[in-house]
Amino acid sequence: MDAPHLRIAITTNSLVELDANFAAAKQFVLYDVSAEESEFVDVVHFSRAGKGKASGGGKANNGGRCVMDDMENDDGTGKDPLVERVSAVDGCGILFTLGLSDLAAVRVNELKVFPVKSERVRAIDDVIAQVQNMMSGTQPLWMRRALSRRNGTPLQEQTAY
């Protein structure tokens, strides 16, 4: 793909929809997306899904679980369960997910990956079309930053007329 493009990551359980929380997703799909085309790059499978569907709002909204339960060392090995997931999005410009904890958002952002939380389940094709639409018009500042980091070019100022 020669045109300016972004690598995006999408959290999914079904491989056809953005339908999973960052910590609970069975896999992430990666695409390179430009204004005119998209190209499937990879799917990253996780050997073990997270603890469930923590989605914010406290224990009452999560079946008695705390949202931060997905951050615990639940396998007894001392292994941080987020490390594998965060490293999977390294090199991406944008992460699309149904939700992620503040700790996960900070770690993802440290890699200069912009996390975007979706309010609803959406087809992966719709997510790609949304990115292409934004890339075709006046790009939001966060997208211009992601593109400049991805392509190694300085951020250009844009003015609206």
N, C-alpha and C. Protein backbone atom coordinates (compact mmCIF):
# COMPACT_ATOMS: atom_id res chain seq x y z
N MET A 1 0.86 -1.17 0.00
CA MET A 1 0.00 0.00 0.00
C MET A 1 0.90 1.23 0.00
N ASP A 2 0.88 2.00 -1.09
CA ASP A 2 1.77 3.14 -1.25
C ASP A 2 1.19 4.43 -0.69
N ALA A 3 -0.12 4.59 -0.71
CA ALA A 3 -0.75 5.82 -0.23
C ALA A 3 -0.57 5.95 1.28
N PRO A 4 -0.65 7.18 1.80
CA PRO A 4 -0.59 7.33 3.26
C PRO A 4 -1.68 6.47 3.90
N HIS A 5 -1.29 5.70 4.88
CA HIS A 5 -2.24 4.78 5.49
C HIS A 5 -1.97 4.64 6.98
N LEU A 6 -2.95 4.08 7.64
CA LEU A 6 -2.87 3.79 9.06
C LEU A 6 -3.05 2.30 9.26
N ARG A 7 -2.36 1.77 10.23
CA ARG A 7 -2.64 0.40 10.67
C ARG A 7 -3.62 0.52 11.83
N ILE A 8 -4.73 -0.18 11.73
CA ILE A 8 -5.72 -0.15 12.81
C ILE A 8 -5.87 -1.54 13.40
N ALA A 9 -6.23 -1.57 14.68
CA ALA A 9 -6.51 -2.82 15.38
C ALA A 9 -7.96 -2.77 15.84
N ILE A 10 -8.65 -3.90 15.72
CA ILE A 10 -10.06 -3.99 16.11
C ILE A 10 -10.22 -5.20 17.02
N THR A 11 -10.83 -5.00 18.18
CA THR A 11 -11.05 -6.11 19.12
C THR A 11 -12.30 -6.88 18.68
N THR A 12 -12.17 -8.20 18.62
CA THR A 12 -13.28 -9.00 18.12
C THR A 12 -13.28 -10.41 18.71
N ASN A 13 -14.47 -10.96 18.83
CA ASN A 13 -14.63 -12.37 19.18
C ASN A 13 -15.10 -13.16 17.96
N SER A 14 -15.77 -12.48 17.03
CA SER A 14 -16.40 -13.15 15.90
C SER A 14 -15.60 -13.07 14.61
N LEU A 15 -14.58 -12.22 14.55
CA LEU A 15 -13.78 -11.94 13.36
C LEU A 15 -14.53 -11.20 12.27
N VAL A 16 -15.78 -10.81 12.50
CA VAL A 16 -16.53 -10.03 11.52
C VAL A 16 -17.08 -8.74 12.10
N GLU A 17 -17.07 -8.61 13.43
CA GLU A 17 -17.60 -7.42 14.08
C GLU A 17 -16.65 -6.91 15.15
N LEU A 18 -16.70 -5.62 15.39
CA LEU A 18 -16.07 -5.03 16.57
C LEU A 18 -17.05 -5.36 17.69
N ASP A 19 -16.75 -6.40 18.45
CA ASP A 19 -17.73 -6.90 19.41
C ASP A 19 -17.11 -7.34 20.74
N ALA A 20 -15.96 -6.77 21.09
CA ALA A 20 -15.30 -7.23 22.31
C ALA A 20 -14.59 -6.09 23.03
N ASN A 21 -14.50 -6.26 24.32
CA ASN A 21 -13.72 -5.39 25.19
C ASN A 21 -12.25 -5.73 25.03
N PHE A 22 -11.38 -4.77 25.19
CA PHE A 22 -9.93 -4.96 25.03
C PHE A 22 -9.42 -6.13 25.86
N ALA A 23 -9.78 -6.19 27.12
CA ALA A 23 -9.23 -7.20 28.02
C ALA A 23 -9.87 -8.58 27.83
N ALA A 24 -11.03 -8.64 27.19
CA ALA A 24 -11.74 -9.90 27.06
C ALA A 24 -11.77 -10.45 25.64
N ALA A 25 -11.23 -9.72 24.68
CA ALA A 25 -11.30 -10.14 23.27
C ALA A 25 -10.55 -11.43 23.04
N LYS A 26 -11.12 -12.29 22.20
CA LYS A 26 -10.44 -13.53 21.82
C LYS A 26 -9.34 -13.25 20.80
N GLN A 27 -9.53 -12.17 20.02
CA GLN A 27 -8.52 -11.81 19.02
C GLN A 27 -8.63 -10.35 18.65
N PHE A 28 -7.56 -9.85 18.03
CA PHE A 28 -7.53 -8.53 17.42
C PHE A 28 -7.29 -8.75 15.94
N VAL A 29 -7.99 -8.01 15.09
CA VAL A 29 -7.69 -8.03 13.66
C VAL A 29 -6.98 -6.72 13.31
N LEU A 30 -5.99 -6.82 12.43
CA LEU A 30 -5.19 -5.67 12.03
C LEU A 30 -5.38 -5.41 10.55
N TYR A 31 -5.60 -4.15 10.20
CA TYR A 31 -5.76 -3.74 8.81
C TYR A 31 -4.91 -2.51 8.55
N ASP A 32 -4.38 -2.40 7.33
CA ASP A 32 -3.80 -1.16 6.84
C ASP A 32 -4.91 -0.48 6.03
N VAL A 33 -5.18 0.78 6.36
CA VAL A 33 -6.30 1.50 5.74
C VAL A 33 -5.80 2.82 5.18
N SER A 34 -6.12 3.07 3.91
CA SER A 34 -5.88 4.37 3.29
C SER A 34 -7.25 4.92 2.90
N ALA A 35 -7.26 6.12 2.35
CA ALA A 35 -8.52 6.74 1.96
C ALA A 35 -9.25 5.94 0.89
N GLU A 36 -8.50 5.20 0.06
CA GLU A 36 -9.12 4.48 -1.06
C GLU A 36 -9.22 2.98 -0.88
N GLU A 37 -8.36 2.41 -0.05
CA GLU A 37 -8.36 0.94 0.05
C GLU A 37 -8.00 0.49 1.45
N SER A 38 -8.24 -0.79 1.68
CA SER A 38 -7.85 -1.40 2.96
C SER A 38 -7.27 -2.78 2.66
N GLU A 39 -6.39 -3.19 3.53
CA GLU A 39 -5.72 -4.47 3.34
C GLU A 39 -5.62 -5.19 4.68
N PHE A 40 -6.12 -6.42 4.72
CA PHE A 40 -6.00 -7.23 5.92
C PHE A 40 -4.53 -7.53 6.16
N VAL A 41 -4.08 -7.37 7.42
CA VAL A 41 -2.68 -7.60 7.75
C VAL A 41 -2.51 -8.88 8.55
N ASP A 42 -3.28 -9.02 9.63
CA ASP A 42 -3.07 -10.16 10.52
C ASP A 42 -4.23 -10.27 11.50
N VAL A 43 -4.32 -11.43 12.12
CA VAL A 43 -5.21 -11.62 13.26
C VAL A 43 -4.35 -12.15 14.39
N VAL A 44 -4.50 -11.57 15.56
CA VAL A 44 -3.74 -11.98 16.73
C VAL A 44 -4.71 -12.70 17.66
N HIS A 45 -4.48 -13.99 17.86
CA HIS A 45 -5.31 -14.79 18.75
C HIS A 45 -4.68 -14.81 20.14
N PHE A 46 -5.53 -14.80 21.14
CA PHE A 46 -5.03 -14.88 22.51
C PHE A 46 -5.37 -16.25 23.06
N SER A 47 -4.38 -16.86 23.71
CA SER A 47 -4.53 -18.23 24.20
C SER A 47 -5.64 -18.34 25.23
N ARG A 48 -5.88 -17.25 25.90
CA ARG A 48 -6.88 -17.27 26.94
C ARG A 48 -7.57 -15.92 26.93
N ALA A 49 -8.89 -15.93 26.83
CA ALA A 49 -9.62 -14.67 26.86
C ALA A 49 -9.56 -14.09 28.26
N GLY A 50 -9.87 -12.83 28.36
CA GLY A 50 -9.90 -12.17 29.67
C GLY A 50 -10.97 -12.76 30.54
N LYS A 51 -11.23 -12.13 31.66
CA LYS A 51 -12.15 -12.68 32.64
C LYS A 51 -13.61 -12.52 32.29
N GLY A 52 -13.95 -11.74 31.31
CA GLY A 52 -15.37 -11.58 31.03
C GLY A 52 -15.66 -10.28 30.34
N LYS A 53 -16.83 -9.76 30.62
CA LYS A 53 -17.26 -8.58 29.88
C LYS A 53 -17.35 -7.35 30.76
N ALA A 54 -16.30 -7.01 31.44
CA ALA A 54 -16.29 -5.78 32.22
C ALA A 54 -16.47 -4.60 31.28
N SER A 55 -17.45 -3.77 31.59
CA SER A 55 -17.72 -2.67 30.67
C SER A 55 -17.88 -1.34 31.39
N GLY A 56 -17.44 -1.25 32.59
CA GLY A 56 -17.56 0.00 33.33
C GLY A 56 -18.84 0.04 34.14
N GLY A 57 -18.91 0.99 35.02
CA GLY A 57 -20.14 1.16 35.79
C GLY A 57 -20.12 0.45 37.12
N GLY A 58 -19.02 -0.13 37.51
CA GLY A 58 -18.93 -0.74 38.84
C GLY A 58 -19.41 -2.17 38.88
N LYS A 59 -19.34 -2.74 40.08
CA LYS A 59 -19.66 -4.16 40.26
C LYS A 59 -21.10 -4.49 39.91
N ALA A 60 -22.04 -3.60 40.22
CA ALA A 60 -23.45 -3.89 39.97
C ALA A 60 -23.73 -4.13 38.49
N ASN A 61 -23.02 -3.43 37.62
CA ASN A 61 -23.24 -3.58 36.18
C ASN A 61 -22.39 -4.68 35.56
N ASN A 62 -21.57 -5.34 36.34
CA ASN A 62 -20.66 -6.34 35.80
C ASN A 62 -20.75 -7.67 36.53
N GLY A 63 -21.94 -8.03 36.91
CA GLY A 63 -22.15 -9.34 37.53
C GLY A 63 -21.36 -9.53 38.82
N GLY A 64 -21.21 -8.48 39.62
CA GLY A 64 -20.49 -8.60 40.88
C GLY A 64 -18.99 -8.48 40.74
N ARG A 65 -18.51 -8.24 39.53
CA ARG A 65 -17.07 -8.10 39.28
C ARG A 65 -16.70 -6.64 39.21
N CYS A 66 -15.55 -6.33 39.65
CA CYS A 66 -15.00 -4.99 39.49
C CYS A 66 -14.38 -4.90 38.10
N VAL A 67 -14.50 -3.75 37.48
CA VAL A 67 -13.93 -3.55 36.15
C VAL A 67 -12.44 -3.84 36.16
N MET A 68 -11.76 -3.56 37.25
CA MET A 68 -10.32 -3.77 37.33
C MET A 68 -9.95 -5.22 37.58
N ASP A 69 -10.95 -6.13 37.75
CA ASP A 69 -10.63 -7.54 37.94
C ASP A 69 -9.82 -8.11 36.80
N ASP A 70 -9.98 -7.56 35.59
CA ASP A 70 -9.23 -8.09 34.45
C ASP A 70 -7.75 -7.73 34.53
N MET A 71 -7.37 -6.92 35.50
CA MET A 71 -5.97 -6.54 35.65
C MET A 71 -5.25 -7.41 36.66
N GLU A 72 -6.00 -8.25 37.37
CA GLU A 72 -5.39 -9.06 38.41
C GLU A 72 -4.50 -10.15 37.84
N ASN A 73 -3.56 -10.60 38.66
CA ASN A 73 -2.73 -11.74 38.32
C ASN A 73 -3.54 -12.99 38.70
N ASP A 74 -4.34 -13.48 37.77
CA ASP A 74 -5.23 -14.57 38.12
C ASP A 74 -4.67 -15.95 37.77
N ASP A 75 -3.50 -16.03 37.17
CA ASP A 75 -2.96 -17.34 36.85
C ASP A 75 -1.83 -17.74 37.79
N GLY A 76 -1.50 -16.89 38.75
CA GLY A 76 -0.51 -17.24 39.75
C GLY A 76 0.93 -17.22 39.28
N THR A 77 1.20 -16.76 38.07
CA THR A 77 2.56 -16.79 37.54
C THR A 77 3.27 -15.45 37.70
N GLY A 78 2.56 -14.43 38.14
CA GLY A 78 3.16 -13.12 38.23
C GLY A 78 3.18 -12.39 36.90
N LYS A 79 2.52 -12.96 35.90
CA LYS A 79 2.48 -12.38 34.56
C LYS A 79 1.37 -11.34 34.48
N ASP A 80 1.68 -10.18 33.94
CA ASP A 80 0.70 -9.12 33.75
C ASP A 80 -0.15 -9.48 32.53
N PRO A 81 -1.46 -9.69 32.70
CA PRO A 81 -2.29 -10.13 31.57
C PRO A 81 -2.45 -9.09 30.46
N LEU A 82 -2.11 -7.83 30.71
CA LEU A 82 -2.25 -6.81 29.67
C LEU A 82 -1.06 -6.75 28.73
N VAL A 83 0.09 -7.24 29.14
CA VAL A 83 1.31 -7.10 28.34
C VAL A 83 1.13 -7.67 26.94
N GLU A 84 0.60 -8.86 26.84
CA GLU A 84 0.41 -9.51 25.53
C GLU A 84 -0.54 -8.71 24.64
N ARG A 85 -1.61 -8.20 25.22
CA ARG A 85 -2.61 -7.45 24.45
C ARG A 85 -2.06 -6.09 24.01
N VAL A 86 -1.38 -5.41 24.91
CA VAL A 86 -0.83 -4.10 24.57
C VAL A 86 0.24 -4.25 23.50
N SER A 87 1.10 -5.24 23.62
CA SER A 87 2.16 -5.42 22.62
C SER A 87 1.58 -5.80 21.26
N ALA A 88 0.39 -6.38 21.23
CA ALA A 88 -0.24 -6.75 19.95
C ALA A 88 -0.63 -5.53 19.12
N VAL A 89 -0.85 -4.38 19.76
CA VAL A 89 -1.25 -3.18 19.01
C VAL A 89 -0.07 -2.26 18.71
N ASP A 90 1.14 -2.67 19.13
CA ASP A 90 2.33 -1.87 18.84
C ASP A 90 2.49 -1.73 17.33
N GLY A 91 2.67 -0.53 16.86
CA GLY A 91 2.79 -0.28 15.43
C GLY A 91 1.49 0.17 14.79
N CYS A 92 0.40 0.08 15.52
CA CYS A 92 -0.89 0.55 15.01
C CYS A 92 -1.04 2.04 15.33
N GLY A 93 -1.91 2.70 14.60
CA GLY A 93 -2.21 4.09 14.87
C GLY A 93 -3.46 4.26 15.70
N ILE A 94 -4.42 3.34 15.49
CA ILE A 94 -5.72 3.43 16.16
C ILE A 94 -6.13 2.05 16.64
N LEU A 95 -6.72 1.99 17.82
CA LEU A 95 -7.32 0.78 18.37
C LEU A 95 -8.81 1.03 18.52
N PHE A 96 -9.63 0.21 17.88
CA PHE A 96 -11.08 0.28 18.03
C PHE A 96 -11.52 -0.85 18.95
N THR A 97 -12.29 -0.51 19.99
CA THR A 97 -12.72 -1.50 20.96
C THR A 97 -14.05 -1.08 21.57
N LEU A 98 -14.75 -2.04 22.19
CA LEU A 98 -15.99 -1.70 22.89
C LEU A 98 -15.68 -1.04 24.22
N GLY A 99 -14.53 -1.30 24.78
CA GLY A 99 -14.18 -0.68 26.05
C GLY A 99 -12.81 -1.12 26.50
N LEU A 100 -12.20 -0.30 27.33
CA LEU A 100 -10.93 -0.67 27.94
C LEU A 100 -10.77 0.12 29.22
N SER A 101 -10.05 -0.46 30.15
CA SER A 101 -9.84 0.19 31.44
C SER A 101 -8.91 1.38 31.27
N ASP A 102 -8.87 2.22 32.28
CA ASP A 102 -7.97 3.37 32.25
C ASP A 102 -6.51 2.91 32.16
N LEU A 103 -6.18 1.85 32.89
CA LEU A 103 -4.81 1.34 32.86
C LEU A 103 -4.43 0.86 31.46
N ALA A 104 -5.33 0.13 30.82
CA ALA A 104 -5.07 -0.33 29.46
C ALA A 104 -4.95 0.85 28.50
N ALA A 105 -5.82 1.85 28.66
CA ALA A 105 -5.77 3.03 27.78
C ALA A 105 -4.43 3.76 27.92
N VAL A 106 -3.93 3.87 29.14
CA VAL A 106 -2.64 4.53 29.36
C VAL A 106 -1.53 3.75 28.68
N ARG A 107 -1.53 2.43 28.83
CA ARG A 107 -0.48 1.61 28.24
C ARG A 107 -0.52 1.65 26.71
N VAL A 108 -1.71 1.62 26.15
CA VAL A 108 -1.87 1.69 24.70
C VAL A 108 -1.41 3.06 24.20
N ASN A 109 -1.80 4.11 24.92
CA ASN A 109 -1.43 5.47 24.53
C ASN A 109 0.08 5.69 24.62
N GLU A 110 0.75 5.00 25.54
CA GLU A 110 2.21 5.11 25.64
C GLU A 110 2.90 4.62 24.36
N LEU A 111 2.24 3.73 23.63
CA LEU A 111 2.76 3.25 22.35
C LEU A 111 2.36 4.17 21.19
N LYS A 112 1.75 5.29 21.54
CA LYS A 112 1.26 6.25 20.56
C LYS A 112 0.16 5.67 19.67
N VAL A 113 -0.66 4.81 20.29
CA VAL A 113 -1.83 4.24 19.64
C VAL A 113 -3.04 4.96 20.22
N PHE A 114 -3.91 5.47 19.36
CA PHE A 114 -5.08 6.21 19.82
C PHE A 114 -6.24 5.25 20.03
N PRO A 115 -6.72 5.07 21.28
CA PRO A 115 -7.84 4.16 21.52
C PRO A 115 -9.18 4.84 21.22
N VAL A 116 -10.06 4.16 20.50
CA VAL A 116 -11.38 4.67 20.18
C VAL A 116 -12.39 3.65 20.71
N LYS A 117 -13.22 4.10 21.65
CA LYS A 117 -14.26 3.22 22.20
C LYS A 117 -15.54 3.37 21.39
N SER A 118 -16.07 2.25 20.94
CA SER A 118 -17.32 2.25 20.19
C SER A 118 -18.46 2.08 21.19
N GLU A 119 -19.57 2.74 20.92
CA GLU A 119 -20.73 2.65 21.80
C GLU A 119 -21.57 1.40 21.53
N ARG A 120 -21.32 0.76 20.39
CA ARG A 120 -22.13 -0.40 20.02
C ARG A 120 -21.32 -1.37 19.18
N VAL A 121 -21.83 -2.57 19.05
CA VAL A 121 -21.22 -3.57 18.17
C VAL A 121 -21.40 -3.09 16.73
N ARG A 122 -20.32 -3.19 15.96
CA ARG A 122 -20.34 -2.74 14.56
C ARG A 122 -19.59 -3.72 13.70
N ALA A 123 -19.98 -3.81 12.44
CA ALA A 123 -19.27 -4.65 11.49
C ALA A 123 -17.88 -4.06 11.25
N ILE A 124 -16.88 -4.91 11.11
CA ILE A 124 -15.52 -4.45 10.84
C ILE A 124 -15.47 -3.63 9.57
N ASP A 125 -16.25 -4.02 8.56
CA ASP A 125 -16.31 -3.25 7.32
C ASP A 125 -16.79 -1.82 7.56
N ASP A 126 -17.73 -1.64 8.51
CA ASP A 126 -18.22 -0.29 8.83
C ASP A 126 -17.13 0.54 9.51
N VAL A 127 -16.34 -0.09 10.36
CA VAL A 127 -15.24 0.61 11.03
C VAL A 127 -14.22 1.08 9.98
N ILE A 128 -13.88 0.20 9.07
CA ILE A 128 -12.92 0.55 8.01
C ILE A 128 -13.48 1.68 7.14
N ALA A 129 -14.76 1.60 6.79
CA ALA A 129 -15.39 2.65 5.98
C ALA A 129 -15.37 3.99 6.71
N GLN A 130 -15.57 3.98 8.03
CA GLN A 130 -15.52 5.21 8.82
C GLN A 130 -14.11 5.82 8.78
N VAL A 131 -13.09 4.99 8.93
CA VAL A 131 -11.71 5.47 8.88
C VAL A 131 -11.41 6.06 7.50
N GLN A 132 -11.82 5.36 6.45
CA GLN A 132 -11.59 5.86 5.10
C GLN A 132 -12.30 7.18 4.85
N ASN A 133 -13.51 7.31 5.37
CA ASN A 133 -14.27 8.55 5.22
C ASN A 133 -13.54 9.71 5.91
N MET A 134 -13.04 9.46 7.12
CA MET A 134 -12.30 10.50 7.84
C MET A 134 -10.99 10.85 7.14
N MET A 135 -10.34 9.85 6.54
CA MET A 135 -9.08 10.10 5.85
C MET A 135 -9.30 10.89 4.56
N SER A 136 -10.48 10.76 3.96
CA SER A 136 -10.78 11.44 2.69
C SER A 136 -11.07 12.92 2.89
N GLY A 137 -11.69 13.26 4.02
CA GLY A 137 -12.07 14.65 4.27
C GLY A 137 -11.04 15.36 5.12
N THR A 138 -11.50 16.34 5.87
CA THR A 138 -10.64 17.04 6.81
C THR A 138 -10.45 16.12 8.00
N GLN A 139 -9.23 15.71 8.19
CA GLN A 139 -8.94 14.72 9.23
C GLN A 139 -8.93 15.35 10.61
N PRO A 140 -9.50 14.64 11.60
CA PRO A 140 -9.39 15.13 12.97
C PRO A 140 -7.92 15.17 13.39
N LEU A 141 -7.60 16.01 14.35
CA LEU A 141 -6.22 16.19 14.80
C LEU A 141 -5.60 14.87 15.23
N TRP A 142 -6.34 14.05 15.98
CA TRP A 142 -5.76 12.78 16.45
C TRP A 142 -5.41 11.87 15.28
N MET A 143 -6.18 11.93 14.20
CA MET A 143 -5.87 11.10 13.04
C MET A 143 -4.65 11.63 12.31
N ARG A 144 -4.53 12.95 12.20
CA ARG A 144 -3.35 13.53 11.57
C ARG A 144 -2.09 13.18 12.36
N ARG A 145 -2.21 13.19 13.68
CA ARG A 145 -1.06 12.80 14.51
C ARG A 145 -0.69 11.35 14.28
N ALA A 146 -1.70 10.48 14.23
CA ALA A 146 -1.43 9.06 14.00
C ALA A 146 -0.79 8.84 12.63
N LEU A 147 -1.28 9.53 11.60
CA LEU A 147 -0.70 9.40 10.26
C LEU A 147 0.73 9.91 10.23
N SER A 148 1.00 11.03 10.90
CA SER A 148 2.36 11.58 10.87
C SER A 148 3.33 10.65 11.59
N ARG A 149 2.90 10.05 12.69
CA ARG A 149 3.77 9.09 13.39
C ARG A 149 4.00 7.85 12.53
N ARG A 150 2.96 7.39 11.89
CA ARG A 150 3.05 6.18 11.07
C ARG A 150 3.98 6.38 9.87
N ASN A 151 3.89 7.54 9.25
CA ASN A 151 4.65 7.80 8.03
C ASN A 151 5.97 8.52 8.29
N GLY A 152 6.24 8.88 9.53
CA GLY A 152 7.49 9.54 9.87
C GLY A 152 7.63 10.95 9.33
N THR A 153 6.50 11.61 9.12
CA THR A 153 6.53 12.98 8.62
C THR A 153 6.05 13.93 9.71
N PRO A 154 6.53 15.18 9.68
CA PRO A 154 6.05 16.14 10.69
C PRO A 154 4.58 16.44 10.50
N LEU A 155 3.92 16.76 11.58
CA LEU A 155 2.49 17.10 11.54
C LEU A 155 2.30 18.40 10.78
N GLN A 156 1.45 18.36 9.78
CA GLN A 156 1.16 19.54 8.97
C GLN A 156 -0.06 20.25 9.55
N GLU A 157 0.02 21.57 9.58
CA GLU A 157 -1.13 22.36 10.02
C GLU A 157 -2.16 22.36 8.89
N GLN A 158 -3.42 22.19 9.27
CA GLN A 158 -4.48 22.27 8.28
C GLN A 158 -5.38 23.45 8.65
N THR A 159 -5.80 24.15 7.66
CA THR A 159 -6.73 25.25 7.89
C THR A 159 -8.00 24.97 7.11
N ALA A 160 -9.12 25.24 7.73
CA ALA A 160 -10.40 25.06 7.06
C ALA A 160 -10.78 26.37 6.38
N TYR A 161 -11.28 26.26 5.19
CA TYR A 161 -11.69 27.44 4.43
C TYR A 161 -13.19 27.48 4.32
